[in-house]
Amino acid sequence: MVGGTFDPLHDGHKVLLGRSFEIAGPHGHVVIGLTTDSFASRKVHPIRPFEVRKSELEEYITSRKFSTPFIVEPLQDRFGSALDSDFDAIIVSEETLPVAVEINKLRRGQGRKKVDIHQISCVLAEDGRWISSTRIYRGEIDVHGHLTK
């Protein structure tokens, strides 16, 4: 499992998604939680509609020709289906690691098995700071982390 808003889809997201497919392997499957419009509205910058983000995400994944099947499901809160689903691993960035730890704590409290947490390092822009959607929307960097100012 992996989750996010993915708007705009940037190089950090692409590393996160690539690692998810790598861990799942050809015999697994990847569940991608994509924040709903109402959940994403908490962001400090504008977010494109769910269907637009979903389409872009699916187009990117299809273009990479991953052999692992995937589904994109609506993510209406921080946990989505991660508390109730039977799955093996969650892939997160440094920024979202605390959510994965909380998911395991809540799963354990429900008598469910813990899942493996795989953390990727956030991808850095040219200036050594994280690539983030907020920075892209502010016009500081592009989706590849190149400085635009």
N, C-alpha and C. Protein backbone atom coordinates (compact mmCIF):
# COMPACT_ATOMS: atom_id res chain seq x y z
N MET A 1 0.85 -1.18 0.00
CA MET A 1 0.00 0.00 0.00
C MET A 1 0.88 1.23 0.00
N VAL A 2 0.36 2.24 -0.65
CA VAL A 2 1.01 3.54 -0.70
C VAL A 2 -0.11 4.57 -0.86
N GLY A 3 0.10 5.76 -0.36
CA GLY A 3 -0.96 6.76 -0.47
C GLY A 3 -0.41 8.15 -0.66
N GLY A 4 -1.27 9.03 -1.17
CA GLY A 4 -0.88 10.41 -1.34
C GLY A 4 -1.90 11.20 -2.15
N THR A 5 -1.58 12.47 -2.33
CA THR A 5 -2.41 13.35 -3.14
C THR A 5 -1.92 13.36 -4.59
N PHE A 6 -0.61 13.23 -4.76
CA PHE A 6 0.02 13.13 -6.08
C PHE A 6 -0.39 14.27 -6.99
N ASP A 7 -0.27 15.50 -6.47
CA ASP A 7 -0.63 16.67 -7.27
C ASP A 7 0.29 17.83 -6.98
N PRO A 8 1.13 18.20 -7.92
CA PRO A 8 1.37 17.49 -9.16
C PRO A 8 2.25 16.26 -8.93
N LEU A 9 2.17 15.32 -9.84
CA LEU A 9 2.99 14.11 -9.78
C LEU A 9 4.44 14.51 -10.06
N HIS A 10 5.29 14.39 -9.04
CA HIS A 10 6.69 14.84 -9.19
C HIS A 10 7.66 13.67 -8.99
N ASP A 11 8.95 13.96 -9.14
CA ASP A 11 9.97 12.91 -9.08
C ASP A 11 9.98 12.17 -7.75
N GLY A 12 9.66 12.83 -6.66
CA GLY A 12 9.58 12.15 -5.37
C GLY A 12 8.47 11.12 -5.37
N HIS A 13 7.32 11.49 -5.91
CA HIS A 13 6.20 10.55 -6.03
C HIS A 13 6.60 9.35 -6.89
N LYS A 14 7.32 9.62 -7.96
CA LYS A 14 7.70 8.56 -8.89
C LYS A 14 8.63 7.55 -8.22
N VAL A 15 9.53 8.02 -7.35
CA VAL A 15 10.40 7.11 -6.60
C VAL A 15 9.55 6.28 -5.63
N LEU A 16 8.62 6.92 -4.95
CA LEU A 16 7.73 6.23 -4.02
C LEU A 16 6.92 5.14 -4.73
N LEU A 17 6.35 5.48 -5.86
CA LEU A 17 5.56 4.51 -6.63
C LEU A 17 6.44 3.38 -7.17
N GLY A 18 7.60 3.72 -7.70
CA GLY A 18 8.51 2.71 -8.22
C GLY A 18 8.91 1.70 -7.15
N ARG A 19 9.20 2.21 -5.96
CA ARG A 19 9.57 1.32 -4.85
C ARG A 19 8.40 0.43 -4.46
N SER A 20 7.19 0.95 -4.53
CA SER A 20 6.00 0.16 -4.21
C SER A 20 5.86 -1.03 -5.16
N PHE A 21 6.06 -0.79 -6.45
CA PHE A 21 5.95 -1.86 -7.43
C PHE A 21 7.11 -2.84 -7.30
N GLU A 22 8.28 -2.33 -6.96
CA GLU A 22 9.44 -3.18 -6.76
C GLU A 22 9.21 -4.14 -5.58
N ILE A 23 8.71 -3.63 -4.48
CA ILE A 23 8.47 -4.45 -3.29
C ILE A 23 7.37 -5.48 -3.55
N ALA A 24 6.31 -5.07 -4.23
CA ALA A 24 5.21 -5.99 -4.51
C ALA A 24 5.65 -7.13 -5.43
N GLY A 25 6.52 -6.81 -6.38
CA GLY A 25 6.99 -7.82 -7.31
C GLY A 25 5.90 -8.24 -8.28
N PRO A 26 6.25 -9.07 -9.25
CA PRO A 26 5.30 -9.45 -10.29
C PRO A 26 4.13 -10.32 -9.79
N HIS A 27 4.27 -10.92 -8.62
CA HIS A 27 3.21 -11.79 -8.10
C HIS A 27 2.37 -11.12 -7.02
N GLY A 28 2.69 -9.87 -6.69
CA GLY A 28 1.90 -9.13 -5.70
C GLY A 28 0.95 -8.18 -6.39
N HIS A 29 0.47 -7.23 -5.64
CA HIS A 29 -0.32 -6.14 -6.22
C HIS A 29 -0.14 -4.90 -5.36
N VAL A 30 -0.37 -3.76 -5.96
CA VAL A 30 -0.17 -2.48 -5.29
C VAL A 30 -1.53 -1.79 -5.14
N VAL A 31 -1.81 -1.35 -3.92
CA VAL A 31 -2.99 -0.55 -3.64
C VAL A 31 -2.51 0.88 -3.42
N ILE A 32 -3.03 1.79 -4.24
CA ILE A 32 -2.64 3.19 -4.13
C ILE A 32 -3.84 3.98 -3.62
N GLY A 33 -3.69 4.52 -2.41
CA GLY A 33 -4.73 5.39 -1.87
C GLY A 33 -4.52 6.80 -2.40
N LEU A 34 -5.51 7.32 -3.07
CA LEU A 34 -5.43 8.68 -3.63
C LEU A 34 -6.41 9.55 -2.87
N THR A 35 -5.91 10.62 -2.26
CA THR A 35 -6.78 11.46 -1.44
C THR A 35 -7.97 11.98 -2.22
N THR A 36 -9.13 11.94 -1.56
CA THR A 36 -10.34 12.49 -2.16
C THR A 36 -10.24 14.01 -2.17
N ASP A 37 -11.11 14.64 -2.92
CA ASP A 37 -11.10 16.10 -2.98
C ASP A 37 -11.33 16.71 -1.60
N SER A 38 -12.25 16.13 -0.82
CA SER A 38 -12.53 16.71 0.50
C SER A 38 -11.35 16.54 1.45
N PHE A 39 -10.68 15.38 1.41
CA PHE A 39 -9.53 15.16 2.28
C PHE A 39 -8.34 16.02 1.83
N ALA A 40 -8.16 16.14 0.51
CA ALA A 40 -7.04 16.93 -0.02
C ALA A 40 -7.23 18.42 0.20
N SER A 41 -8.44 18.85 0.49
CA SER A 41 -8.71 20.29 0.64
C SER A 41 -7.99 20.89 1.84
N ARG A 42 -7.41 20.06 2.70
CA ARG A 42 -6.66 20.56 3.85
C ARG A 42 -5.27 21.09 3.46
N LYS A 43 -4.88 20.82 2.21
CA LYS A 43 -3.58 21.29 1.72
C LYS A 43 -3.58 22.82 1.63
N VAL A 44 -2.39 23.41 1.69
CA VAL A 44 -2.27 24.86 1.66
C VAL A 44 -2.29 25.43 0.23
N HIS A 45 -2.25 24.55 -0.75
CA HIS A 45 -2.28 24.98 -2.15
C HIS A 45 -3.45 24.32 -2.86
N PRO A 46 -3.85 24.84 -4.02
CA PRO A 46 -4.97 24.25 -4.76
C PRO A 46 -4.64 22.82 -5.19
N ILE A 47 -5.66 21.99 -5.26
CA ILE A 47 -5.54 20.60 -5.69
C ILE A 47 -6.49 20.37 -6.86
N ARG A 48 -5.98 19.71 -7.89
CA ARG A 48 -6.85 19.38 -9.02
C ARG A 48 -7.85 18.30 -8.60
N PRO A 49 -8.97 18.17 -9.31
CA PRO A 49 -9.98 17.18 -8.95
C PRO A 49 -9.45 15.74 -8.94
N PHE A 50 -10.07 14.93 -8.09
CA PHE A 50 -9.70 13.52 -7.91
C PHE A 50 -9.55 12.80 -9.24
N GLU A 51 -10.54 12.91 -10.11
CA GLU A 51 -10.52 12.16 -11.37
C GLU A 51 -9.35 12.58 -12.27
N VAL A 52 -8.98 13.84 -12.23
CA VAL A 52 -7.83 14.32 -13.02
C VAL A 52 -6.54 13.72 -12.45
N ARG A 53 -6.40 13.77 -11.13
CA ARG A 53 -5.20 13.20 -10.49
C ARG A 53 -5.12 11.69 -10.70
N LYS A 54 -6.26 11.02 -10.60
CA LYS A 54 -6.31 9.57 -10.79
C LYS A 54 -5.90 9.21 -12.22
N SER A 55 -6.41 9.92 -13.19
CA SER A 55 -6.09 9.66 -14.59
C SER A 55 -4.59 9.85 -14.84
N GLU A 56 -4.02 10.94 -14.33
CA GLU A 56 -2.59 11.19 -14.51
C GLU A 56 -1.74 10.10 -13.85
N LEU A 57 -2.16 9.68 -12.67
CA LEU A 57 -1.45 8.63 -11.94
C LEU A 57 -1.49 7.31 -12.72
N GLU A 58 -2.66 6.95 -13.20
CA GLU A 58 -2.79 5.71 -13.96
C GLU A 58 -2.02 5.76 -15.27
N GLU A 59 -2.03 6.90 -15.93
CA GLU A 59 -1.26 7.06 -17.17
C GLU A 59 0.23 6.88 -16.91
N TYR A 60 0.73 7.48 -15.83
CA TYR A 60 2.15 7.35 -15.50
C TYR A 60 2.51 5.89 -15.24
N ILE A 61 1.71 5.22 -14.40
CA ILE A 61 2.00 3.83 -14.04
C ILE A 61 1.96 2.94 -15.29
N THR A 62 0.96 3.13 -16.12
CA THR A 62 0.84 2.34 -17.35
C THR A 62 2.04 2.58 -18.26
N SER A 63 2.50 3.82 -18.33
CA SER A 63 3.65 4.14 -19.19
C SER A 63 4.93 3.46 -18.72
N ARG A 64 5.02 3.16 -17.45
CA ARG A 64 6.21 2.50 -16.90
C ARG A 64 6.20 0.99 -17.14
N LYS A 65 5.05 0.46 -17.56
CA LYS A 65 4.93 -0.96 -17.90
C LYS A 65 5.31 -1.89 -16.74
N PHE A 66 4.91 -1.52 -15.52
CA PHE A 66 5.12 -2.39 -14.37
C PHE A 66 4.32 -3.68 -14.60
N SER A 67 4.89 -4.82 -14.24
CA SER A 67 4.18 -6.09 -14.44
C SER A 67 3.23 -6.40 -13.29
N THR A 68 3.28 -5.62 -12.25
CA THR A 68 2.46 -5.83 -11.07
C THR A 68 1.10 -5.14 -11.24
N PRO A 69 0.01 -5.87 -10.98
CA PRO A 69 -1.30 -5.21 -11.05
C PRO A 69 -1.46 -4.17 -9.93
N PHE A 70 -2.33 -3.19 -10.17
CA PHE A 70 -2.54 -2.15 -9.17
C PHE A 70 -3.99 -1.68 -9.22
N ILE A 71 -4.41 -1.07 -8.12
CA ILE A 71 -5.69 -0.38 -8.07
C ILE A 71 -5.47 0.96 -7.39
N VAL A 72 -6.27 1.93 -7.79
CA VAL A 72 -6.27 3.23 -7.14
C VAL A 72 -7.60 3.34 -6.41
N GLU A 73 -7.54 3.55 -5.08
CA GLU A 73 -8.77 3.66 -4.30
C GLU A 73 -8.82 5.02 -3.62
N PRO A 74 -10.01 5.54 -3.39
CA PRO A 74 -10.15 6.83 -2.71
C PRO A 74 -9.63 6.75 -1.27
N LEU A 75 -8.87 7.74 -0.88
CA LEU A 75 -8.32 7.85 0.47
C LEU A 75 -9.03 9.03 1.14
N GLN A 76 -9.93 8.72 2.06
CA GLN A 76 -10.76 9.75 2.67
C GLN A 76 -10.24 10.23 4.02
N ASP A 77 -9.20 9.54 4.54
CA ASP A 77 -8.57 9.95 5.79
C ASP A 77 -7.13 9.45 5.78
N ARG A 78 -6.41 9.64 6.86
CA ARG A 78 -4.98 9.28 6.89
C ARG A 78 -4.73 7.79 6.73
N PHE A 79 -5.73 6.95 7.03
CA PHE A 79 -5.49 5.51 7.06
C PHE A 79 -6.10 4.74 5.89
N GLY A 80 -7.16 5.25 5.31
CA GLY A 80 -7.81 4.53 4.22
C GLY A 80 -8.16 3.11 4.65
N SER A 81 -7.91 2.15 3.76
CA SER A 81 -8.23 0.75 4.06
C SER A 81 -7.10 0.04 4.79
N ALA A 82 -6.06 0.75 5.16
CA ALA A 82 -4.89 0.13 5.79
C ALA A 82 -5.17 -0.49 7.16
N LEU A 83 -6.22 -0.05 7.83
CA LEU A 83 -6.53 -0.62 9.14
C LEU A 83 -7.26 -1.95 9.03
N ASP A 84 -7.99 -2.14 7.94
CA ASP A 84 -8.84 -3.31 7.81
C ASP A 84 -8.40 -4.31 6.75
N SER A 85 -7.55 -3.91 5.84
CA SER A 85 -7.14 -4.77 4.73
C SER A 85 -6.05 -5.75 5.14
N ASP A 86 -5.99 -6.85 4.40
CA ASP A 86 -4.93 -7.82 4.59
C ASP A 86 -3.85 -7.51 3.55
N PHE A 87 -2.75 -6.97 4.01
CA PHE A 87 -1.64 -6.64 3.10
C PHE A 87 -0.34 -6.78 3.86
N ASP A 88 0.78 -6.76 3.15
CA ASP A 88 2.07 -7.06 3.76
C ASP A 88 2.96 -5.86 4.04
N ALA A 89 2.85 -4.81 3.23
CA ALA A 89 3.81 -3.72 3.35
C ALA A 89 3.17 -2.38 3.02
N ILE A 90 3.69 -1.36 3.66
CA ILE A 90 3.30 0.01 3.36
C ILE A 90 4.58 0.77 3.02
N ILE A 91 4.52 1.57 1.98
CA ILE A 91 5.69 2.31 1.52
C ILE A 91 5.43 3.78 1.79
N VAL A 92 6.37 4.42 2.47
CA VAL A 92 6.21 5.80 2.90
C VAL A 92 7.49 6.59 2.67
N SER A 93 7.37 7.90 2.75
CA SER A 93 8.54 8.77 2.73
C SER A 93 8.90 9.12 4.17
N GLU A 94 9.98 9.84 4.32
CA GLU A 94 10.37 10.31 5.66
C GLU A 94 9.24 11.12 6.28
N GLU A 95 8.55 11.86 5.44
CA GLU A 95 7.50 12.75 5.89
C GLU A 95 6.27 12.00 6.41
N THR A 96 5.97 10.84 5.82
CA THR A 96 4.76 10.11 6.19
C THR A 96 5.02 8.88 7.05
N LEU A 97 6.27 8.67 7.46
CA LEU A 97 6.60 7.54 8.34
C LEU A 97 5.73 7.49 9.60
N PRO A 98 5.49 8.62 10.29
CA PRO A 98 4.68 8.55 11.51
C PRO A 98 3.28 7.97 11.28
N VAL A 99 2.70 8.20 10.11
CA VAL A 99 1.37 7.65 9.82
C VAL A 99 1.45 6.12 9.75
N ALA A 100 2.49 5.59 9.11
CA ALA A 100 2.66 4.14 9.01
C ALA A 100 2.85 3.51 10.39
N VAL A 101 3.62 4.16 11.23
CA VAL A 101 3.82 3.67 12.60
C VAL A 101 2.49 3.64 13.34
N GLU A 102 1.69 4.69 13.17
CA GLU A 102 0.37 4.74 13.81
C GLU A 102 -0.56 3.66 13.26
N ILE A 103 -0.49 3.40 11.97
CA ILE A 103 -1.30 2.33 11.37
C ILE A 103 -0.97 1.01 12.03
N ASN A 104 0.31 0.70 12.19
CA ASN A 104 0.68 -0.56 12.84
C ASN A 104 0.21 -0.63 14.29
N LYS A 105 0.30 0.48 14.98
CA LYS A 105 -0.16 0.51 16.38
C LYS A 105 -1.66 0.23 16.45
N LEU A 106 -2.44 0.86 15.57
CA LEU A 106 -3.88 0.65 15.55
C LEU A 106 -4.24 -0.76 15.09
N ARG A 107 -3.51 -1.29 14.12
CA ARG A 107 -3.75 -2.66 13.67
C ARG A 107 -3.50 -3.65 14.81
N ARG A 108 -2.43 -3.42 15.52
CA ARG A 108 -2.10 -4.31 16.64
C ARG A 108 -3.19 -4.26 17.71
N GLY A 109 -3.71 -3.06 17.97
CA GLY A 109 -4.79 -2.90 18.94
C GLY A 109 -6.07 -3.60 18.52
N GLN A 110 -6.23 -3.80 17.22
CA GLN A 110 -7.39 -4.51 16.68
C GLN A 110 -7.14 -6.02 16.56
N GLY A 111 -5.94 -6.45 16.96
CA GLY A 111 -5.60 -7.86 16.84
C GLY A 111 -5.18 -8.28 15.43
N ARG A 112 -4.87 -7.30 14.59
CA ARG A 112 -4.43 -7.58 13.22
C ARG A 112 -2.90 -7.61 13.18
N LYS A 113 -2.38 -8.30 12.17
CA LYS A 113 -0.92 -8.37 12.05
C LYS A 113 -0.34 -7.02 11.63
N LYS A 114 0.85 -6.74 12.15
CA LYS A 114 1.56 -5.54 11.72
C LYS A 114 2.04 -5.75 10.29
N VAL A 115 2.27 -4.67 9.59
CA VAL A 115 2.78 -4.73 8.22
C VAL A 115 4.20 -4.18 8.20
N ASP A 116 4.97 -4.62 7.23
CA ASP A 116 6.32 -4.10 7.06
C ASP A 116 6.24 -2.66 6.59
N ILE A 117 7.08 -1.82 7.15
CA ILE A 117 7.15 -0.42 6.75
C ILE A 117 8.44 -0.23 5.95
N HIS A 118 8.30 0.25 4.73
CA HIS A 118 9.45 0.54 3.88
C HIS A 118 9.49 2.05 3.66
N GLN A 119 10.57 2.66 4.11
CA GLN A 119 10.70 4.12 3.99
C GLN A 119 11.69 4.47 2.90
N ILE A 120 11.26 5.34 2.00
CA ILE A 120 12.19 5.88 1.01
C ILE A 120 12.69 7.22 1.53
N SER A 121 13.83 7.63 1.06
CA SER A 121 14.31 8.97 1.36
C SER A 121 13.62 9.94 0.42
N CYS A 122 13.25 11.08 0.94
CA CYS A 122 12.64 12.10 0.08
C CYS A 122 13.65 12.52 -0.97
N VAL A 123 13.16 12.77 -2.17
CA VAL A 123 14.02 13.19 -3.27
C VAL A 123 14.31 14.68 -3.10
N LEU A 124 15.57 15.02 -3.28
CA LEU A 124 15.99 16.40 -3.08
C LEU A 124 16.00 17.19 -4.38
N ALA A 125 15.63 18.44 -4.26
CA ALA A 125 15.70 19.38 -5.37
C ALA A 125 17.16 19.86 -5.51
N GLU A 126 17.41 20.67 -6.52
CA GLU A 126 18.76 21.20 -6.76
C GLU A 126 19.32 21.94 -5.55
N ASP A 127 18.44 22.55 -4.77
CA ASP A 127 18.90 23.32 -3.62
C ASP A 127 19.09 22.48 -2.36
N GLY A 128 18.94 21.15 -2.48
CA GLY A 128 19.17 20.26 -1.34
C GLY A 128 17.97 20.11 -0.42
N ARG A 129 16.88 20.79 -0.73
CA ARG A 129 15.64 20.65 0.06
C ARG A 129 14.71 19.67 -0.65
N TRP A 130 13.77 19.10 0.10
CA TRP A 130 12.84 18.12 -0.47
C TRP A 130 12.05 18.69 -1.64
N ILE A 131 11.82 17.85 -2.64
CA ILE A 131 10.84 18.17 -3.67
C ILE A 131 9.47 17.99 -3.02
N SER A 132 8.62 18.99 -3.14
CA SER A 132 7.28 18.88 -2.59
C SER A 132 6.30 19.60 -3.49
N SER A 133 5.06 19.16 -3.43
CA SER A 133 4.01 19.80 -4.23
C SER A 133 3.85 21.27 -3.84
N THR A 134 3.97 21.56 -2.55
CA THR A 134 3.84 22.94 -2.08
C THR A 134 4.90 23.82 -2.73
N ARG A 135 6.14 23.34 -2.77
CA ARG A 135 7.22 24.12 -3.38
C ARG A 135 6.99 24.31 -4.88
N ILE A 136 6.44 23.30 -5.52
CA ILE A 136 6.14 23.39 -6.95
C ILE A 136 5.05 24.43 -7.18
N TYR A 137 3.99 24.38 -6.38
CA TYR A 137 2.90 25.35 -6.53
C TYR A 137 3.35 26.78 -6.21
N ARG A 138 4.31 26.93 -5.32
CA ARG A 138 4.84 28.26 -5.03
C ARG A 138 5.73 28.78 -6.15
N GLY A 139 6.10 27.91 -7.08
CA GLY A 139 6.96 28.32 -8.19
C GLY A 139 8.44 28.28 -7.87
N GLU A 140 8.82 27.66 -6.75
CA GLU A 140 10.23 27.58 -6.37
C GLU A 140 11.00 26.58 -7.24
N ILE A 141 10.33 25.44 -7.54
CA ILE A 141 10.96 24.35 -8.29
C ILE A 141 9.93 23.78 -9.27
N ASP A 142 10.45 22.97 -10.22
CA ASP A 142 9.54 22.25 -11.11
C ASP A 142 9.39 20.82 -10.58
N VAL A 143 8.67 19.96 -11.32
CA VAL A 143 8.39 18.60 -10.85
C VAL A 143 9.63 17.72 -10.77
N HIS A 144 10.73 18.19 -11.33
CA HIS A 144 11.99 17.44 -11.27
C HIS A 144 12.95 18.02 -10.22
N GLY A 145 12.53 19.07 -9.53
CA GLY A 145 13.37 19.66 -8.51
C GLY A 145 14.31 20.74 -9.01
N HIS A 146 14.15 21.13 -10.28
CA HIS A 146 14.99 22.21 -10.82
C HIS A 146 14.47 23.55 -10.32
N LEU A 147 15.38 24.42 -9.92
CA LEU A 147 15.00 25.75 -9.44
C LEU A 147 14.39 26.56 -10.57
N THR A 148 13.32 27.28 -10.27
CA THR A 148 12.65 28.06 -11.29
C THR A 148 12.78 29.55 -11.05
N LYS A 149 13.31 29.94 -9.89
CA LYS A 149 13.45 31.38 -9.59
C LYS A 149 14.88 31.83 -9.81
